[in-house]
Amino acid sequence: MIVPTMAEMMAQGKQPEVLFWVGAAGSFDDRAKKITRAFVKILHKANVDFAVLGTEETSTGDAAKRAGNEFLFQMQAMMNIEVLNGYKVTTIVTADPHSFNTLKNEYPSLGGNYKVFHHTQFIKKLLDEGRLTVANAVLEGKRVTYHDPCYLGRANDEYESPRDLIKRLGVNLTEMKRHKSTALCCGAGGAQMFKEPEKGDKDINVLRTEDALETQAEIIATGCPYCNTMMTDGIKFKNKEAEVEVLDIAELIAKEI
C-alpha cells in the first residue's frame, strides 16, 4: 500500500482531501503500526485522496502538556502549525484520541485551525456516504465489548461513532458496567503511559480489564493505541490471551471490507 507524503503531493501540484496524522504510537509502536496499516487499507478501499507528513510529523505536544510542561507543548505545537499551514491543510484524520483532542481543541488558539476527525468518525462518514461497505462475514455473532478512550468520550463527547461501526459488523455488542460518560480510564492518559503507576492495590488497566472480562466478550474493541496497549497488558496479566483479543475498531472494519 502506497502512502504519499504531503511533500510529494505538493511537488506534483496536488492537494489531498485529508491529512492522516499518524501519531507517535502509530508510527513507532509495533502493535500500533497494525492499526495504522488497517486504517490505510480502509482509506485505499474507499478511494480517499490522503497523505501523511512523514518525517515532518512530530509530537503534537500532548504528553508534554499533560505532564505540566506548557512551554515544551507550545514549542511543539507551533512547529507543527507552521508545517500544517505551510501545506494549507484543512482536514485532518487521526487514529489517536490524544492527537485528535490536541489538534481539535488546543491548536486553534495558537493559529492552527483545522477540521479534525477521529478515525471512527471518518470511517462512519465514509460508510454513510456510500464510499465504503462492510461485508459482515468474518465477525458476525462475535461477542464484543467497547472501551471508551477518555479523550474521545468524556473530553469530546463522542460515544456513538465507534458503537455505530461495531453494530454494523453484525456482532453482539455488550457494554461494560462503566461505559460512555462513566467509563474508567485505561491508565495511560496524561503521560502516565511512560511511567510506573503509583502504589496501590491494583493497576488501573487491570481494573478496567476486569470490567471488560465481566461481559464475557471475545473481543475488546478500542479506539486508541494507548488503550489498546493497556488493555492488552491487562489481558496478559489475567492470562486470557487465548480467549480474548484486543483490536482497534479500524482493525475490525478492515477485516470486513
Protein backbone atom coordinates (compact mmCIF):
# COMPACT_ATOMS: atom_id res chain seq x y z
CA MET A 1 0.00 0.00 0.00
CA ILE A 2 1.48 3.29 -1.13
CA VAL A 3 1.21 6.16 1.36
CA PRO A 4 2.17 9.51 -0.20
CA THR A 5 3.64 12.38 1.83
CA MET A 6 2.41 15.95 1.71
CA ALA A 7 5.78 16.98 0.26
CA GLU A 8 5.36 14.50 -2.62
CA MET A 9 1.78 15.64 -3.25
CA MET A 10 2.73 19.32 -3.27
CA ALA A 11 5.62 18.59 -5.66
CA GLN A 12 3.01 17.22 -8.07
CA GLY A 13 0.78 20.26 -7.52
CA LYS A 14 -1.87 18.19 -5.70
CA GLN A 15 -3.81 18.94 -2.52
CA PRO A 16 -5.13 15.78 -0.81
CA GLU A 17 -8.65 15.54 0.60
CA VAL A 18 -7.30 14.76 4.10
CA LEU A 19 -4.06 14.62 6.03
CA PHE A 20 -3.68 11.40 8.04
CA TRP A 21 -1.95 12.33 11.31
CA VAL A 22 -0.29 9.04 12.27
CA GLY A 23 0.85 9.96 15.80
CA ALA A 24 3.81 8.65 17.80
CA ALA A 25 2.29 5.27 18.70
CA GLY A 26 1.05 4.61 15.18
CA SER A 27 4.49 5.46 13.78
CA PHE A 28 6.83 3.69 16.20
CA ASP A 29 4.99 1.09 18.30
CA ASP A 30 4.93 -2.30 16.55
CA ARG A 31 1.42 -3.14 17.76
CA ALA A 32 0.01 0.30 16.89
CA LYS A 33 1.55 0.12 13.41
CA LYS A 34 -1.01 -2.62 12.69
CA ILE A 35 -3.78 -0.11 13.47
CA THR A 36 -2.14 2.39 11.11
CA ARG A 37 -1.99 -0.24 8.34
CA ALA A 38 -5.63 -1.22 8.90
CA PHE A 39 -6.76 2.39 8.61
CA VAL A 40 -4.65 2.95 5.48
CA LYS A 41 -6.30 -0.15 3.97
CA ILE A 42 -9.71 1.43 4.67
CA LEU A 43 -8.66 4.77 3.13
CA HIS A 44 -7.43 2.98 0.00
CA LYS A 45 -10.58 0.85 -0.25
CA ALA A 46 -12.75 4.00 -0.07
CA ASN A 47 -10.53 5.77 -2.65
CA VAL A 48 -9.77 8.60 -0.23
CA ASP A 49 -7.16 11.02 -1.54
CA PHE A 50 -4.88 11.34 1.51
CA ALA A 51 -1.30 11.99 2.54
CA VAL A 52 0.89 11.90 5.65
CA LEU A 53 3.59 14.29 6.82
CA GLY A 54 6.16 11.51 7.11
CA THR A 55 9.37 12.70 8.74
CA GLU A 56 7.89 16.20 9.04
CA GLU A 57 5.39 14.95 11.63
CA THR A 58 6.47 15.43 15.24
CA SER A 59 4.65 15.06 18.58
CA THR A 60 1.51 17.16 18.99
CA GLY A 61 2.86 18.08 22.43
CA ASP A 62 0.00 16.33 24.25
CA ALA A 63 2.23 14.32 26.63
CA ALA A 64 4.30 17.41 27.48
CA LYS A 65 1.16 19.46 28.23
CA ARG A 66 -0.47 16.76 30.39
CA ALA A 67 2.81 16.33 32.29
CA GLY A 68 2.79 20.07 33.03
CA ASN A 69 5.39 21.36 30.56
CA GLU A 70 3.36 24.07 28.81
CA PHE A 71 6.47 25.68 27.30
CA LEU A 72 7.51 22.47 25.52
CA PHE A 73 3.92 21.90 24.38
CA GLN A 74 3.73 25.34 22.77
CA MET A 75 7.10 24.88 21.07
CA GLN A 76 5.99 21.54 19.58
CA ALA A 77 2.57 22.88 18.63
CA MET A 78 3.94 26.00 16.90
CA MET A 79 6.36 23.88 14.82
CA ASN A 80 3.53 21.61 13.71
CA ILE A 81 1.19 24.50 12.94
CA GLU A 82 3.87 26.12 10.77
CA VAL A 83 4.22 22.89 8.76
CA LEU A 84 0.44 22.28 8.50
CA ASN A 85 -0.34 25.85 7.48
CA GLY A 86 2.56 25.78 5.02
CA TYR A 87 0.84 22.86 3.27
CA LYS A 88 -2.56 24.60 3.53
CA VAL A 89 -4.00 21.61 5.39
CA THR A 90 -7.73 21.98 6.11
CA THR A 91 -8.84 18.49 7.20
CA ILE A 92 -7.01 16.05 9.49
CA VAL A 93 -7.92 12.50 10.50
CA THR A 94 -6.12 10.57 13.24
CA ALA A 95 -6.46 7.20 14.99
CA ASP A 96 -5.12 8.69 18.24
CA PRO A 97 -7.69 10.44 20.50
CA HIS A 98 -4.88 12.35 22.25
CA SER A 99 -3.76 13.86 18.94
CA PHE A 100 -7.43 14.36 17.98
CA ASN A 101 -8.15 16.32 21.16
CA THR A 102 -4.98 18.42 20.97
CA LEU A 103 -5.29 19.28 17.27
CA LYS A 104 -9.02 19.99 17.56
CA ASN A 105 -9.20 21.91 20.83
CA GLU A 106 -5.76 23.31 21.65
CA TYR A 107 -4.20 24.24 18.30
CA PRO A 108 -6.81 26.88 17.28
CA SER A 109 -5.68 29.36 19.97
CA LEU A 110 -2.13 29.06 18.58
CA GLY A 111 -3.18 29.65 14.97
CA GLY A 112 -3.89 26.08 13.86
CA ASN A 113 -7.50 25.86 12.65
CA TYR A 114 -8.44 22.53 11.05
CA LYS A 115 -11.41 20.23 10.70
CA VAL A 116 -10.29 17.26 12.78
CA PHE A 117 -11.80 13.76 12.69
CA HIS A 118 -11.16 10.75 14.88
CA HIS A 119 -10.77 7.75 12.59
CA THR A 120 -14.06 6.23 13.81
CA GLN A 121 -15.90 9.43 12.86
CA PHE A 122 -14.24 9.44 9.44
CA ILE A 123 -14.95 5.74 8.76
CA LYS A 124 -18.61 6.32 9.73
CA LYS A 125 -18.69 9.25 7.28
CA LEU A 126 -17.29 7.03 4.51
CA LEU A 127 -19.93 4.37 5.21
CA ASP A 128 -22.76 6.94 5.42
CA GLU A 129 -21.68 8.45 2.08
CA GLY A 130 -21.55 5.02 0.44
CA ARG A 131 -17.82 5.25 -0.27
CA LEU A 132 -17.20 2.14 1.84
CA THR A 133 -19.22 -1.00 2.54
CA VAL A 134 -18.76 -3.79 5.10
CA ALA A 135 -19.41 -7.46 4.39
CA ASN A 136 -20.45 -8.84 7.84
CA ALA A 137 -18.81 -12.19 7.10
CA VAL A 138 -15.87 -12.65 9.45
CA LEU A 139 -17.07 -11.28 12.79
CA GLU A 140 -20.81 -11.93 12.71
CA GLY A 141 -22.17 -13.19 16.03
CA LYS A 142 -18.93 -12.49 17.94
CA ARG A 143 -19.34 -11.06 21.44
CA VAL A 144 -17.66 -7.65 21.56
CA THR A 145 -17.30 -5.01 24.26
CA TYR A 146 -16.03 -1.47 23.64
CA HIS A 147 -13.71 0.58 25.85
CA ASP A 148 -14.25 4.37 25.59
CA PRO A 149 -10.99 6.33 25.29
CA CYS A 150 -11.05 9.31 27.69
CA TYR A 151 -10.07 11.90 25.09
CA LEU A 152 -12.69 10.70 22.61
CA GLY A 153 -15.52 10.09 25.05
CA ARG A 154 -15.58 12.37 28.06
CA ALA A 155 -13.29 15.03 26.60
CA ASN A 156 -15.07 15.32 23.23
CA ASP A 157 -18.47 13.71 23.84
CA GLU A 158 -18.03 11.18 21.03
CA TYR A 159 -19.63 7.92 22.09
CA GLU A 160 -21.75 6.96 19.11
CA SER A 161 -19.43 6.78 16.07
CA PRO A 162 -17.38 3.85 17.45
CA ARG A 163 -20.52 1.99 18.56
CA ASP A 164 -22.24 2.63 15.23
CA LEU A 165 -19.31 0.99 13.44
CA ILE A 166 -19.24 -2.01 15.77
CA LYS A 167 -23.01 -2.57 15.36
CA ARG A 168 -22.66 -2.56 11.56
CA LEU A 169 -20.41 -5.63 11.81
CA GLY A 170 -23.24 -7.92 12.92
CA VAL A 171 -21.62 -8.60 16.28
CA ASN A 172 -23.15 -8.83 19.74
CA LEU A 173 -22.08 -5.55 21.40
CA THR A 174 -22.17 -5.95 25.19
CA GLU A 175 -21.46 -2.84 27.27
CA MET A 176 -19.29 -2.85 30.38
CA LYS A 177 -20.93 -1.70 33.62
CA ARG A 178 -18.83 1.50 33.32
CA HIS A 179 -19.24 2.90 29.82
CA LYS A 180 -19.76 6.17 27.91
CA SER A 181 -19.63 9.07 30.43
CA THR A 182 -18.92 6.73 33.36
CA ALA A 183 -16.18 4.75 31.57
CA LEU A 184 -12.98 4.09 33.50
CA CYS A 185 -9.64 5.32 32.13
CA CYS A 186 -7.26 2.61 30.88
CA GLY A 187 -4.47 4.23 32.90
CA ALA A 188 -2.31 5.56 30.03
CA GLY A 189 -3.51 9.17 29.68
CA GLY A 190 -1.80 12.27 30.99
CA ALA A 191 1.63 10.83 30.10
CA GLN A 192 1.03 8.03 32.64
CA MET A 193 1.82 5.58 29.81
CA PHE A 194 5.51 6.36 30.20
CA LYS A 195 5.95 5.80 33.95
CA GLU A 196 5.29 3.16 36.56
CA PRO A 197 1.97 3.53 38.41
CA GLU A 198 1.80 4.92 41.95
CA LYS A 199 1.46 2.44 44.79
CA GLY A 200 -1.97 0.93 45.29
CA ASP A 201 -3.66 -2.42 45.50
CA LYS A 202 -4.34 -2.73 41.74
CA ASP A 203 -3.19 -1.14 38.46
CA ILE A 204 -5.92 0.81 36.64
CA ASN A 205 -5.53 -1.19 33.43
CA VAL A 206 -6.10 -4.45 35.34
CA LEU A 207 -9.24 -3.00 36.96
CA ARG A 208 -10.52 -1.89 33.55
CA THR A 209 -9.69 -5.27 32.01
CA GLU A 210 -11.77 -6.90 34.75
CA ASP A 211 -14.70 -4.70 33.68
CA ALA A 212 -14.27 -6.00 30.13
CA LEU A 213 -13.90 -9.65 31.14
CA GLU A 214 -17.18 -9.47 33.10
CA THR A 215 -19.01 -9.04 29.78
CA GLN A 216 -17.70 -12.45 28.58
CA ALA A 217 -16.51 -10.72 25.38
CA GLU A 218 -14.33 -12.49 22.83
CA ILE A 219 -13.06 -9.14 21.53
CA ILE A 220 -12.31 -5.90 23.38
CA ALA A 221 -12.64 -3.10 20.83
CA THR A 222 -10.67 0.10 21.34
CA GLY A 223 -10.32 3.40 19.52
CA CYS A 224 -6.91 4.45 20.84
CA PRO A 225 -3.44 2.88 20.51
CA TYR A 226 -2.63 3.60 24.17
CA CYS A 227 -5.87 1.99 25.39
CA ASN A 228 -5.01 -0.96 23.15
CA THR A 229 -1.64 -1.39 24.88
CA MET A 230 -3.08 -1.07 28.38
CA MET A 231 -5.97 -3.47 27.76
CA THR A 232 -3.62 -5.97 26.07
CA ASP A 233 -1.33 -5.80 29.11
CA GLY A 234 -4.38 -6.38 31.31
CA ILE A 235 -5.38 -9.45 29.30
CA LYS A 236 -1.82 -10.80 29.63
CA PHE A 237 -1.91 -10.15 33.39
CA LYS A 238 -5.14 -12.16 33.61
CA ASN A 239 -3.74 -14.95 31.38
CA LYS A 240 -6.67 -14.59 28.97
CA GLU A 241 -4.68 -14.15 25.74
CA ALA A 242 -6.02 -17.41 24.28
CA GLU A 243 -9.64 -16.38 24.84
CA VAL A 244 -9.80 -12.60 24.35
CA GLU A 245 -8.46 -10.37 21.57
CA VAL A 246 -7.89 -6.62 21.84
CA LEU A 247 -8.48 -4.94 18.47
CA ASP A 248 -8.85 -1.37 17.28
CA ILE A 249 -12.13 -0.59 15.51
CA ALA A 250 -10.14 0.10 12.32
CA GLU A 251 -8.83 -3.47 12.51
CA LEU A 252 -12.38 -4.81 12.90
CA ILE A 253 -13.59 -2.81 9.88
CA ALA A 254 -10.53 -3.81 7.83
CA LYS A 255 -11.46 -7.48 8.32
CA GLU A 256 -14.85 -6.86 6.67
CA ILE A 257 -14.01 -4.82 3.58
